[in-house]
Amino acid sequence: MADLEFPTVQLEPGTLRTPALRSRIVPGIGIDAAPLQVDCDHCTIHGRPLVSQHDWQEVLSSGQLGAVTGAFAIVWRHKGETWLARDALGERTLYFHHAPDGVIAGSTIRDLLQSANVPRQLSIDAIATYLIDAYLPGRLTMIAGIEEVLPGELVRIPANGPIARTQIWEIPPEPREFSSESTQVLELRRSLDQAIRRCLPDDCSLPIAASLSGGLDSSLVLGLACRARPGEIASYSISFGTQYANELPFSSLMAAHCGSRHTIVEFTPESIADGIAPTMAALSDPIGDPLTVPNALLFRYVSATSSVMLNGEGGDPCFGGPKNLPMVLSELYGPPTIRHKIQSYFRSHLKCFDDLPAMLHSRIRDRYSQERLEASLLPHFENPRYQTLITRLQAMNIQLKGGHHILPKVDALSRMSGMLARSPLFDRDVVEMSFRIPAQGKLHGSVEKWRLKQAVSDVVPEAIRKRPKSGMLVPVEGWFQGPLLPIAKQWLLDGLAKRDIIDRTYLERLLSHQLGGPRPRHGVKIWLLVALEAWIQTHLGDGPISVV
């Protein structure tokens, strides 16, 4: 592959000091509660844009909220009842607390915590789930008593009586029959082209950006966007320095291939350390993905010149990414019990599932129930709508990881920089189309995303289509043995250890890289716990915190 030269800029500490917040749903209770609040982006119904509160009131009056496409969270109050709803895939977040004197709802947990009606207590189930998954799926949040509205869910909370929940949109079932391979490729390509056009702003004068990792998903989004708006797209790749493994040759190849104005943004360990607290402060629940802080820093950098940034999120959940392979092997060679499959799913996240008995502090260890966490996944593994493992995992990954990790993350991080993040591969039509592709079209032997690669063969160079996925390589293992070890000790030994949540001896062994085992993954686990402590500190402060 030929060397390609693109400008590289190095981001210094202090980038996230002055966030410019986008609009959001602000909590209110009783007479202080607004009758209708909407947080939305590029929403339409039957092709008609929804641009005013009057438009939304018409949608609610006609009972057609399930037909709305685009990103939205909405709260309205009528005859003493509170109603809450969230878009189909979860591009916008919505949380609520049912207090004795009313319902408090808002776009962020931080907003809800400003109310004296919300207890400031951590949930033991949420802590354990986060340590396993690195995010919180489902209604569970880190704060006991606060619930998250599910993607595609309508929640009705009467003044007196039980909460009622219905789905205004559901992930499609697995079809009994499939169209021909060529038809699938054509229909998928049509869906992708339309999704890209929907994500591009109508105002052609607005500068448009796209993140570019060098993988298939971000490459195809950039390529299709450049075809729709030739010469108008600026692309950005992340680097951590030439001393670390990276995907820059592939991102540079794609940028040159489609003619985008490309910039490589390099993050120093110091800029990453400086961004931890403000990034975790922007998240409603902690996210332990090491890319979270670099993503936030990239949004802040790009916000100086663009207001909309496209991304390639959604390719793995919808089209059969590499994280399905461990589950396939477990299905082939492991015991055929549901419990084994659930435990294999937990282990596939490569975090702390097997560490929990040793890492949880004795104060809360006895209240942790592995069986309770396994039971929360049982409905997904027993869902009769999906006959094949690959499609069942697809539905789970879209609903859980997509709606509670990926999309909330890009929404929160773009929000703090005043930007709009748009994810064409999570477009509702693209997601629905992905379920009309059989399992062997997603995992073709050992080739991932087979049908997706066929659909964009004229857009993405062969070198990118045929390369194995590696993911963005954040060098946490090296950082926590060198420049970031002192700050990790500060976060964990001076902070988290004093909360009696994680055993101090475990933390000391982790920081000394002495956990043992075939794949200890010290750096990933240190980052996971640093993110947890930073989230607790920025949301609840330094004082004692109860865990229930």
Protein backbone atom coordinates (compact mmCIF):
# COMPACT_ATOMS: atom_id res chain seq x y z
CA MET A 1 0.00 0.00 0.00
CA ALA A 2 1.48 3.34 -1.04
CA ASP A 3 2.26 5.93 1.63
CA LEU A 4 -0.22 8.80 1.60
CA GLU A 5 0.46 12.14 3.25
CA PHE A 6 -2.31 13.95 5.13
CA PRO A 7 -2.01 16.75 7.70
CA THR A 8 -1.66 15.64 11.33
CA VAL A 9 -2.62 17.89 14.24
CA GLN A 10 -1.81 17.10 17.87
CA LEU A 11 -4.47 17.81 20.47
CA GLU A 12 -3.23 19.29 23.73
CA PRO A 13 -4.80 19.08 27.20
CA GLY A 14 -7.68 21.42 28.01
CA THR A 15 -9.76 20.68 24.91
CA LEU A 16 -12.94 19.79 26.82
CA ARG A 17 -12.98 22.62 29.33
CA THR A 18 -15.89 24.66 27.91
CA PRO A 19 -18.63 22.41 26.51
CA ALA A 20 -21.40 24.00 24.45
CA LEU A 21 -24.53 22.02 25.31
CA ARG A 22 -27.25 21.23 22.75
CA SER A 23 -30.89 21.46 23.75
CA ARG A 24 -32.31 18.66 25.90
CA ILE A 25 -35.39 17.66 27.88
CA VAL A 26 -35.15 19.41 31.25
CA PRO A 27 -36.76 17.82 34.32
CA GLY A 28 -39.74 19.40 36.01
CA ILE A 29 -42.29 18.19 38.51
CA GLY A 30 -45.86 19.24 39.33
CA ILE A 31 -46.71 22.73 38.10
CA ASP A 32 -43.09 23.23 37.03
CA ALA A 33 -43.35 20.47 34.40
CA ALA A 34 -43.73 21.57 30.78
CA PRO A 35 -46.76 20.01 29.00
CA LEU A 36 -44.65 18.90 26.00
CA GLN A 37 -40.89 18.64 25.53
CA VAL A 38 -39.11 17.14 22.52
CA ASP A 39 -35.42 16.51 21.86
CA CYS A 40 -35.17 15.48 18.20
CA ASP A 41 -33.07 15.47 15.04
CA HIS A 42 -33.99 14.91 11.37
CA CYS A 43 -37.38 13.39 12.23
CA THR A 44 -40.03 12.69 9.60
CA ILE A 45 -43.40 10.96 9.39
CA HIS A 46 -44.39 9.49 6.02
CA GLY A 47 -41.65 11.63 4.47
CA ARG A 48 -42.87 14.89 6.05
CA PRO A 49 -40.36 16.69 8.32
CA LEU A 50 -41.37 17.37 11.93
CA VAL A 51 -40.05 20.84 12.67
CA SER A 52 -42.35 22.38 15.29
CA GLN A 53 -44.15 21.48 18.50
CA HIS A 54 -47.42 21.74 16.55
CA ASP A 55 -46.16 18.99 14.21
CA TRP A 56 -45.44 16.77 17.21
CA GLN A 57 -48.81 17.51 18.78
CA GLU A 58 -50.48 16.38 15.55
CA VAL A 59 -48.46 13.14 15.64
CA LEU A 60 -49.52 12.47 19.23
CA SER A 61 -53.18 13.31 18.51
CA SER A 62 -53.22 10.88 15.58
CA GLY A 63 -51.52 8.09 17.55
CA GLN A 64 -48.77 7.70 14.92
CA LEU A 65 -45.67 8.07 17.07
CA GLY A 66 -44.46 4.64 15.93
CA ALA A 67 -44.33 5.87 12.33
CA VAL A 68 -41.83 8.64 13.13
CA THR A 69 -38.30 8.05 11.86
CA GLY A 70 -35.22 9.85 13.11
CA ALA A 71 -33.84 10.60 16.57
CA PHE A 72 -36.23 11.72 19.30
CA ALA A 73 -37.14 11.62 22.97
CA ILE A 74 -40.46 13.11 23.99
CA VAL A 75 -42.26 13.80 27.26
CA TRP A 76 -45.80 15.08 27.54
CA ARG A 77 -48.37 15.40 30.28
CA HIS A 78 -52.12 15.02 29.83
CA LYS A 79 -54.94 14.77 32.39
CA GLY A 80 -52.61 14.01 35.26
CA GLU A 81 -50.66 11.34 33.37
CA THR A 82 -47.05 11.53 32.23
CA TRP A 83 -46.12 9.95 28.89
CA LEU A 84 -42.58 9.26 27.71
CA ALA A 85 -41.30 7.83 24.43
CA ARG A 86 -38.00 7.23 22.68
CA ASP A 87 -37.10 6.67 19.03
CA ALA A 88 -36.92 3.19 17.56
CA LEU A 89 -33.16 2.58 17.80
CA GLY A 90 -32.32 4.79 20.80
CA GLU A 91 -30.54 7.73 19.16
CA ARG A 92 -31.86 9.97 21.95
CA THR A 93 -31.92 9.04 25.64
CA LEU A 94 -34.67 9.54 28.21
CA TYR A 95 -34.67 8.82 31.95
CA PHE A 96 -37.24 9.15 34.70
CA HIS A 97 -37.73 8.83 38.45
CA HIS A 98 -41.18 8.13 39.86
CA ALA A 99 -41.23 10.27 43.00
CA PRO A 100 -44.08 10.32 45.55
CA ASP A 101 -45.23 13.75 44.34
CA GLY A 102 -44.78 13.21 40.62
CA VAL A 103 -42.59 12.06 37.75
CA ILE A 104 -39.21 13.63 37.02
CA ALA A 105 -37.99 13.01 33.47
CA GLY A 106 -35.05 14.30 31.47
CA SER A 107 -32.51 13.65 28.74
CA THR A 108 -29.69 13.05 31.21
CA ILE A 109 -29.26 11.48 34.63
CA ARG A 110 -27.22 14.49 35.70
CA ASP A 111 -30.33 16.65 35.28
CA LEU A 112 -32.42 14.27 37.40
CA LEU A 113 -29.79 14.25 40.15
CA GLN A 114 -30.31 17.98 40.63
CA SER A 115 -33.67 17.18 42.20
CA ALA A 116 -33.87 16.53 45.94
CA ASN A 117 -36.54 13.91 45.16
CA VAL A 118 -33.97 11.53 43.60
CA PRO A 119 -32.00 9.34 46.07
CA ARG A 120 -28.26 9.45 45.40
CA GLN A 121 -27.63 5.70 45.71
CA LEU A 122 -25.73 3.30 43.47
CA SER A 123 -27.28 0.04 42.28
CA ILE A 124 -25.31 -3.16 43.00
CA ASP A 125 -26.80 -4.81 39.89
CA ALA A 126 -25.71 -1.83 37.80
CA ILE A 127 -22.16 -1.94 39.18
CA ALA A 128 -21.84 -5.67 38.43
CA THR A 129 -23.37 -5.31 34.96
CA TYR A 130 -21.04 -2.44 34.10
CA LEU A 131 -18.00 -4.48 35.18
CA ILE A 132 -19.12 -7.29 32.86
CA ASP A 133 -20.33 -5.33 29.83
CA ALA A 134 -18.62 -1.90 30.17
CA TYR A 135 -22.07 -0.28 29.76
CA LEU A 136 -25.59 -0.69 31.16
CA PRO A 137 -28.16 -2.41 28.93
CA GLY A 138 -31.92 -2.23 29.44
CA ARG A 139 -33.80 -0.06 31.93
CA LEU A 140 -31.05 -0.36 34.53
CA THR A 141 -29.06 2.76 35.40
CA MET A 142 -26.22 3.35 37.83
CA ILE A 143 -28.56 5.31 40.13
CA ALA A 144 -31.05 3.16 42.02
CA GLY A 145 -34.54 4.52 41.39
CA ILE A 146 -33.83 6.06 37.97
CA GLU A 147 -35.00 4.08 34.93
CA GLU A 148 -34.10 4.44 31.27
CA VAL A 149 -36.86 4.38 28.68
CA LEU A 150 -36.09 1.59 26.19
CA PRO A 151 -35.63 2.30 22.48
CA GLY A 152 -38.99 2.23 20.71
CA GLU A 153 -40.88 2.26 24.02
CA LEU A 154 -43.90 4.28 25.14
CA VAL A 155 -44.28 4.64 28.91
CA ARG A 156 -47.51 5.87 30.53
CA ILE A 157 -47.32 6.85 34.20
CA PRO A 158 -50.70 7.65 35.78
CA ALA A 159 -51.05 9.79 38.89
CA ASN A 160 -52.22 6.66 40.70
CA GLY A 161 -51.73 3.12 39.51
CA PRO A 162 -49.09 0.98 37.81
CA ILE A 163 -46.76 2.07 35.01
CA ALA A 164 -47.84 0.83 31.56
CA ARG A 165 -45.27 0.11 28.84
CA THR A 166 -45.82 -0.62 25.16
CA GLN A 167 -43.53 -0.83 22.14
CA ILE A 168 -44.20 1.62 19.33
CA TRP A 169 -41.55 -0.15 17.22
CA GLU A 170 -39.97 -3.58 17.52
CA ILE A 171 -36.94 -5.20 15.95
CA PRO A 172 -38.23 -7.31 13.03
CA PRO A 173 -38.56 -11.08 13.38
CA GLU A 174 -36.46 -13.49 11.35
CA PRO A 175 -38.25 -14.13 8.02
CA ARG A 176 -39.33 -17.64 7.02
CA GLU A 177 -38.09 -17.04 3.47
CA PHE A 178 -35.47 -14.76 1.93
CA SER A 179 -35.16 -13.11 -1.46
CA SER A 180 -32.30 -13.99 -3.79
CA GLU A 181 -28.76 -12.92 -2.99
CA SER A 182 -28.70 -10.40 -5.84
CA THR A 183 -31.99 -8.86 -4.68
CA GLN A 184 -30.66 -8.54 -1.14
CA VAL A 185 -27.55 -6.75 -2.40
CA LEU A 186 -29.60 -4.30 -4.50
CA GLU A 187 -32.11 -3.59 -1.73
CA LEU A 188 -29.36 -3.13 0.83
CA ARG A 189 -27.50 -0.71 -1.41
CA ARG A 190 -30.69 1.26 -2.00
CA SER A 191 -31.31 1.45 1.76
CA LEU A 192 -27.74 2.63 2.38
CA ASP A 193 -27.93 5.35 -0.26
CA GLN A 194 -31.24 6.62 1.12
CA ALA A 195 -29.94 6.56 4.71
CA ILE A 196 -26.92 8.62 3.73
CA ARG A 197 -29.13 11.20 2.01
CA ARG A 198 -31.38 11.41 5.07
CA CYS A 199 -28.38 12.01 7.31
CA LEU A 200 -26.93 14.81 5.20
CA PRO A 201 -28.25 18.27 6.18
CA ASP A 202 -30.70 19.87 3.76
CA ASP A 203 -28.71 23.09 3.90
CA CYS A 204 -25.86 22.44 1.49
CA SER A 205 -23.90 25.35 2.94
CA LEU A 206 -23.40 23.54 6.27
CA PRO A 207 -19.95 21.95 6.56
CA ILE A 208 -20.16 18.17 6.96
CA ALA A 209 -17.62 15.94 8.70
CA ALA A 210 -17.18 12.19 8.89
CA SER A 211 -15.10 10.08 11.25
CA LEU A 212 -12.90 7.56 9.45
CA SER A 213 -11.23 4.65 11.23
CA GLY A 214 -10.10 2.77 8.14
CA GLY A 215 -12.54 -0.10 8.72
CA LEU A 216 -15.36 -1.14 6.42
CA ASP A 217 -18.21 0.71 8.15
CA SER A 218 -16.79 4.22 8.41
CA SER A 219 -15.26 3.82 4.94
CA LEU A 220 -18.55 3.00 3.25
CA VAL A 221 -20.32 5.87 5.04
CA LEU A 222 -17.65 8.32 3.88
CA GLY A 223 -17.61 6.89 0.36
CA LEU A 224 -21.39 7.10 -0.09
CA ALA A 225 -21.49 10.58 1.46
CA CYS A 226 -18.78 11.82 -0.90
CA ARG A 227 -20.78 10.49 -3.85
CA ALA A 228 -23.87 12.33 -2.63
CA ARG A 229 -21.97 15.57 -1.89
CA PRO A 230 -18.75 15.52 -3.97
CA GLY A 231 -15.96 17.69 -2.58
CA GLU A 232 -17.97 18.75 0.48
CA ILE A 233 -16.99 16.19 3.14
CA ALA A 234 -14.12 16.60 5.60
CA SER A 235 -12.90 13.34 7.14
CA TYR A 236 -11.01 12.81 10.40
CA SER A 237 -8.96 9.92 11.73
CA ILE A 238 -7.59 9.34 15.22
CA SER A 239 -3.96 8.59 16.02
CA PHE A 240 -2.15 8.00 19.31
CA GLY A 241 1.32 8.46 17.85
CA THR A 242 3.40 6.57 15.34
CA GLN A 243 4.92 4.38 18.08
CA TYR A 244 1.57 2.56 18.46
CA ALA A 245 -0.19 0.22 16.03
CA ASN A 246 -2.79 2.06 13.97
CA GLU A 247 -5.09 1.88 10.95
CA LEU A 248 -3.90 5.09 9.33
CA PRO A 249 -2.75 3.45 6.07
CA PHE A 250 -6.32 2.24 5.49
CA SER A 251 -8.07 5.47 6.51
CA SER A 252 -5.65 7.46 4.33
CA LEU A 253 -6.33 5.07 1.43
CA MET A 254 -10.08 5.61 1.75
CA ALA A 255 -9.76 9.39 2.06
CA ALA A 256 -7.64 9.51 -1.10
CA HIS A 257 -10.01 7.12 -2.87
CA CYS A 258 -13.09 9.30 -2.34
CA GLY A 259 -11.41 12.72 -2.31
CA SER A 260 -12.38 13.90 1.16
CA ARG A 261 -10.49 16.69 2.93
CA HIS A 262 -8.70 14.51 5.44
CA THR A 263 -7.04 15.34 8.77
CA ILE A 264 -5.34 13.02 11.24
CA VAL A 265 -5.90 14.12 14.84
CA GLU A 266 -3.26 12.84 17.25
CA PHE A 267 -4.02 12.48 20.95
CA THR A 268 -1.28 12.54 23.57
CA PRO A 269 -1.63 10.54 26.81
CA GLU A 270 -1.83 13.88 28.63
CA SER A 271 -4.81 15.04 26.53
CA ILE A 272 -6.55 11.71 27.19
CA ALA A 273 -5.97 12.00 30.95
CA ASP A 274 -7.24 15.57 30.90
CA GLY A 275 -10.41 14.52 29.09
CA ILE A 276 -11.48 11.68 31.41
CA ALA A 277 -13.46 13.72 33.96
CA PRO A 278 -15.37 16.01 31.54
CA THR A 279 -16.18 13.05 29.28
CA MET A 280 -17.58 10.92 32.10
CA ALA A 281 -19.48 13.96 33.39
CA ALA A 282 -21.26 14.15 30.03
CA LEU A 283 -22.44 10.51 30.14
CA SER A 284 -25.63 9.51 31.91
CA ASP A 285 -24.10 6.15 32.79
CA PRO A 286 -20.40 5.21 32.72
CA ILE A 287 -19.06 3.65 29.52
CA GLY A 288 -15.85 1.66 29.84
CA ASP A 289 -14.87 1.65 26.16
CA PRO A 290 -11.36 3.21 25.94
CA LEU A 291 -12.41 5.02 22.75
CA THR A 292 -14.94 7.14 24.64
CA VAL A 293 -12.54 9.94 25.60
CA PRO A 294 -10.84 10.10 22.16
CA ASN A 295 -14.33 10.26 20.61
CA ALA A 296 -15.23 13.20 22.84
CA LEU A 297 -12.00 14.99 22.01
CA LEU A 298 -12.58 14.46 18.29
CA PHE A 299 -16.08 15.94 18.48
CA ARG A 300 -14.67 18.99 20.25
CA TYR A 301 -11.95 19.45 17.63
CA VAL A 302 -14.32 19.03 14.67
CA SER A 303 -16.97 21.33 16.20
CA ALA A 304 -14.78 24.31 15.33
CA THR A 305 -15.54 23.81 11.63
CA SER A 306 -18.58 21.49 11.34
CA SER A 307 -21.96 21.05 13.01
CA VAL A 308 -22.79 17.55 11.71
CA MET A 309 -20.53 14.50 11.81
CA LEU A 310 -21.32 11.15 10.21
CA ASN A 311 -20.01 7.90 11.68
CA GLY A 312 -19.92 4.21 10.82
CA GLU A 313 -21.54 2.95 14.02
CA GLY A 314 -24.01 0.12 13.47
CA GLY A 315 -22.15 -2.09 11.01
CA ASP A 316 -21.11 -4.67 13.58
CA PRO A 317 -24.49 -5.09 15.34
CA CYS A 318 -26.54 -5.13 12.12
CA PHE A 319 -24.38 -7.11 9.73
CA GLY A 320 -22.43 -9.69 11.72
CA GLY A 321 -19.31 -8.22 13.25
CA PRO A 322 -16.39 -10.24 14.65
CA LYS A 323 -17.66 -10.34 18.23
CA ASN A 324 -20.17 -12.98 17.11
CA LEU A 325 -17.37 -15.49 16.47
CA PRO A 326 -16.72 -16.43 20.14
CA MET A 327 -20.43 -17.10 20.57
CA VAL A 328 -20.51 -19.27 17.44
CA LEU A 329 -17.58 -21.33 18.76
CA SER A 330 -19.30 -21.66 22.12
CA GLU A 331 -22.45 -22.87 20.37
CA LEU A 332 -20.46 -25.50 18.46
CA TYR A 333 -18.25 -26.80 21.25
CA GLY A 334 -19.85 -25.81 24.56
CA PRO A 335 -22.65 -27.42 26.59
CA PRO A 336 -26.07 -26.89 24.99
CA THR A 337 -27.62 -25.15 28.01
CA ILE A 338 -29.08 -21.63 27.98
CA ARG A 339 -27.06 -20.77 31.07
CA HIS A 340 -23.79 -21.66 29.32
CA LYS A 341 -24.78 -19.48 26.36
CA ILE A 342 -25.54 -16.52 28.62
CA GLN A 343 -22.23 -16.90 30.44
CA SER A 344 -20.42 -17.15 27.11
CA TYR A 345 -22.14 -13.91 26.06
CA PHE A 346 -20.88 -12.20 29.23
CA ARG A 347 -17.36 -13.53 28.64
CA SER A 348 -17.39 -12.37 25.02
CA HIS A 349 -17.19 -8.77 26.29
CA LEU A 350 -13.67 -9.58 27.60
CA LYS A 351 -14.07 -7.54 30.77
CA CYS A 352 -14.54 -8.72 34.38
CA PHE A 353 -17.17 -11.48 34.41
CA ASP A 354 -14.84 -14.05 35.94
CA ASP A 355 -13.15 -11.44 38.17
CA LEU A 356 -16.26 -10.33 40.07
CA PRO A 357 -15.99 -12.66 43.10
CA ALA A 358 -12.43 -11.45 43.73
CA MET A 359 -12.84 -7.80 42.79
CA LEU A 360 -16.06 -6.80 44.58
CA HIS A 361 -15.59 -5.45 48.10
CA SER A 362 -16.79 -7.70 50.92
CA ARG A 363 -19.33 -5.01 51.86
CA ILE A 364 -21.35 -5.67 48.69
CA ARG A 365 -20.08 -9.06 47.49
CA ASP A 366 -22.86 -11.02 49.18
CA ARG A 367 -25.52 -8.85 47.52
CA TYR A 368 -24.21 -9.54 44.02
CA SER A 369 -26.26 -12.24 42.30
CA GLN A 370 -24.90 -13.77 39.12
CA GLU A 371 -28.17 -15.64 38.71
CA ARG A 372 -30.11 -12.37 38.75
CA LEU A 373 -27.95 -10.92 35.99
CA GLU A 374 -28.23 -14.10 33.94
CA ALA A 375 -32.02 -14.02 34.32
CA SER A 376 -32.10 -10.54 32.77
CA LEU A 377 -30.77 -12.00 29.49
CA LEU A 378 -32.97 -15.09 29.47
CA PRO A 379 -35.81 -13.51 27.43
CA HIS A 380 -33.32 -12.59 24.70
CA PHE A 381 -31.91 -16.10 24.41
CA GLU A 382 -35.37 -17.69 24.47
CA ASN A 383 -36.95 -15.24 22.02
CA PRO A 384 -39.00 -17.41 19.58
CA ARG A 385 -38.83 -14.71 16.87
CA TYR A 386 -35.24 -15.74 16.03
CA GLN A 387 -34.26 -19.25 14.98
CA THR A 388 -30.54 -18.86 14.26
CA LEU A 389 -27.85 -17.82 16.73
CA ILE A 390 -26.45 -15.11 14.44
CA THR A 391 -29.84 -13.40 14.06
CA ARG A 392 -30.58 -13.71 17.78
CA LEU A 393 -27.24 -12.06 18.55
CA GLN A 394 -27.99 -9.40 15.95
CA ALA A 395 -31.28 -8.54 17.65
CA MET A 396 -29.59 -8.48 21.07
CA ASN A 397 -26.68 -6.34 19.92
CA ILE A 398 -28.94 -3.78 18.23
CA GLN A 399 -31.32 -3.57 21.17
CA LEU A 400 -28.79 -3.71 24.00
CA LYS A 401 -25.44 -2.43 22.78
CA GLY A 402 -26.84 -0.19 20.07
CA GLY A 403 -29.61 1.38 22.13
CA HIS A 404 -27.76 1.62 25.46
CA HIS A 405 -24.09 2.02 24.56
CA ILE A 406 -23.24 3.06 21.00
CA LEU A 407 -26.02 5.53 20.19
CA PRO A 408 -26.26 7.10 23.68
CA LYS A 409 -22.48 7.52 23.65
CA VAL A 410 -22.31 9.39 20.35
CA ASP A 411 -25.35 11.45 21.35
CA ALA A 412 -23.86 12.51 24.70
CA LEU A 413 -20.38 13.20 23.34
CA SER A 414 -21.65 15.21 20.37
CA ARG A 415 -24.09 17.06 22.64
CA MET A 416 -21.29 18.32 24.89
CA SER A 417 -19.64 19.91 21.85
CA GLY A 418 -22.85 21.32 20.39
CA MET A 419 -22.70 18.96 17.38
CA LEU A 420 -25.12 16.52 15.77
CA ALA A 421 -23.86 12.96 15.35
CA ARG A 422 -25.60 10.92 12.68
CA SER A 423 -25.29 7.16 12.23
CA PRO A 424 -26.55 6.03 8.79
CA LEU A 425 -26.00 2.33 9.54
CA PHE A 426 -28.46 2.65 12.44
CA ASP A 427 -31.07 4.17 10.13
CA ARG A 428 -34.35 2.38 10.77
CA ASP A 429 -34.77 1.24 7.15
CA VAL A 430 -31.20 -0.11 7.10
CA VAL A 431 -31.78 -2.01 10.35
CA GLU A 432 -35.03 -3.49 9.02
CA MET A 433 -33.29 -4.42 5.77
CA SER A 434 -30.51 -6.17 7.72
CA PHE A 435 -33.06 -8.65 9.09
CA ARG A 436 -34.03 -9.61 5.54
CA ILE A 437 -30.53 -11.03 5.09
CA PRO A 438 -29.99 -14.64 6.26
CA ALA A 439 -27.35 -15.58 8.81
CA GLN A 440 -24.97 -16.88 6.13
CA GLY A 441 -25.12 -13.47 4.44
CA LYS A 442 -23.73 -11.90 7.62
CA LEU A 443 -21.17 -14.52 8.58
CA HIS A 444 -20.10 -16.26 5.35
CA GLY A 445 -17.80 -18.99 6.65
CA SER A 446 -15.32 -16.87 8.59
CA VAL A 447 -15.95 -13.71 6.52
CA GLU A 448 -17.90 -11.08 8.46
CA LYS A 449 -20.47 -8.68 6.97
CA TRP A 450 -20.48 -10.57 3.70
CA ARG A 451 -23.62 -9.05 2.19
CA LEU A 452 -22.63 -5.54 3.31
CA LYS A 453 -19.26 -5.92 1.57
CA GLN A 454 -21.02 -7.03 -1.60
CA ALA A 455 -23.33 -4.01 -1.51
CA VAL A 456 -20.46 -1.49 -1.38
CA SER A 457 -17.89 -3.26 -3.53
CA ASP A 458 -17.80 -0.30 -5.92
CA VAL A 459 -17.39 2.23 -3.11
CA VAL A 460 -14.80 0.73 -0.74
CA PRO A 461 -11.39 -0.43 -2.04
CA GLU A 462 -10.72 -4.16 -1.99
CA ALA A 463 -7.83 -3.73 0.47
CA ILE A 464 -10.29 -2.43 3.05
CA ARG A 465 -13.08 -4.87 2.23
CA LYS A 466 -10.78 -7.88 2.58
CA ARG A 467 -8.82 -6.83 5.63
CA PRO A 468 -9.75 -8.40 8.99
CA LYS A 469 -11.40 -6.06 11.47
CA SER A 470 -9.04 -4.94 14.21
CA GLY A 471 -11.02 -2.16 15.88
CA MET A 472 -9.58 1.16 16.96
CA LEU A 473 -6.37 0.28 18.80
CA VAL A 474 -6.31 2.42 21.95
CA PRO A 475 -2.93 1.71 23.62
CA VAL A 476 -4.22 1.39 27.19
CA GLU A 477 -1.84 -1.48 28.00
CA GLY A 478 1.16 0.70 27.24
CA TRP A 479 -0.28 3.85 28.77
CA PHE A 480 -0.97 2.19 32.13
CA GLN A 481 2.54 0.80 32.32
CA GLY A 482 3.97 4.24 31.57
CA PRO A 483 2.62 7.80 31.30
CA LEU A 484 -0.88 7.18 32.69
CA LEU A 485 0.01 4.85 35.58
CA PRO A 486 0.31 7.69 38.16
CA ILE A 487 -3.10 9.12 37.31
CA ALA A 488 -4.62 5.61 37.35
CA LYS A 489 -3.27 5.11 40.88
CA GLN A 490 -4.75 8.44 41.88
CA TRP A 491 -8.20 7.59 40.51
CA LEU A 492 -8.24 4.05 41.88
CA LEU A 493 -6.24 3.98 45.13
CA ASP A 494 -7.05 7.49 46.33
CA GLY A 495 -10.60 7.43 44.99
CA LEU A 496 -12.39 4.18 44.14
CA ALA A 497 -10.70 2.08 46.84
CA LYS A 498 -12.17 4.33 49.55
CA ARG A 499 -15.74 3.74 48.39
CA ASP A 500 -15.73 0.05 49.46
CA ILE A 501 -17.01 -1.05 46.05
CA ILE A 502 -13.87 -2.70 44.65
CA ASP A 503 -11.47 -4.66 46.85
CA ARG A 504 -8.28 -2.67 47.46
CA THR A 505 -6.02 -5.74 47.18
CA TYR A 506 -7.49 -6.46 43.74
CA LEU A 507 -6.81 -2.86 42.68
CA GLU A 508 -3.20 -3.04 43.87
CA ARG A 509 -2.61 -6.31 41.98
CA LEU A 510 -4.29 -4.86 38.89
CA LEU A 511 -2.15 -1.71 38.93
CA SER A 512 0.97 -3.85 39.44
CA HIS A 513 -0.02 -5.98 36.43
CA GLN A 514 -0.13 -9.13 38.58
CA LEU A 515 -3.61 -10.54 37.98
CA GLY A 516 -2.31 -13.63 36.19
CA GLY A 517 -4.29 -15.82 33.83
CA PRO A 518 -3.91 -16.34 30.06
CA ARG A 519 -5.47 -12.96 29.11
CA PRO A 520 -5.44 -10.62 32.12
CA ARG A 521 -6.05 -7.49 30.00
CA HIS A 522 -4.78 -5.19 32.76
CA GLY A 523 -5.02 -1.98 30.73
CA VAL A 524 -8.64 -2.55 29.68
CA LYS A 525 -9.68 -3.29 33.27
CA ILE A 526 -7.80 -0.29 34.66
CA TRP A 527 -9.56 1.94 32.14
CA LEU A 528 -12.92 0.37 33.02
CA LEU A 529 -12.44 1.20 36.71
CA VAL A 530 -10.97 4.66 36.12
CA ALA A 531 -14.05 5.48 34.04
CA LEU A 532 -16.31 4.21 36.84
CA GLU A 533 -14.60 6.33 39.50
CA ALA A 534 -14.57 9.40 37.24
CA TRP A 535 -18.29 8.96 36.59
CA ILE A 536 -19.11 8.59 40.30
CA GLN A 537 -16.94 11.56 41.21
CA THR A 538 -18.40 13.89 38.58
CA HIS A 539 -22.01 12.90 39.31
CA LEU A 540 -22.06 12.19 43.05
CA GLY A 541 -18.92 13.81 44.44
CA ASP A 542 -16.19 12.55 46.77
CA GLY A 543 -18.32 11.73 49.80
CA PRO A 544 -19.62 8.35 51.01
CA ILE A 545 -22.05 6.64 48.61
CA SER A 546 -24.53 3.95 49.60
CA VAL A 547 -24.99 0.88 47.40
CA VAL A 548 -28.37 -0.83 47.31
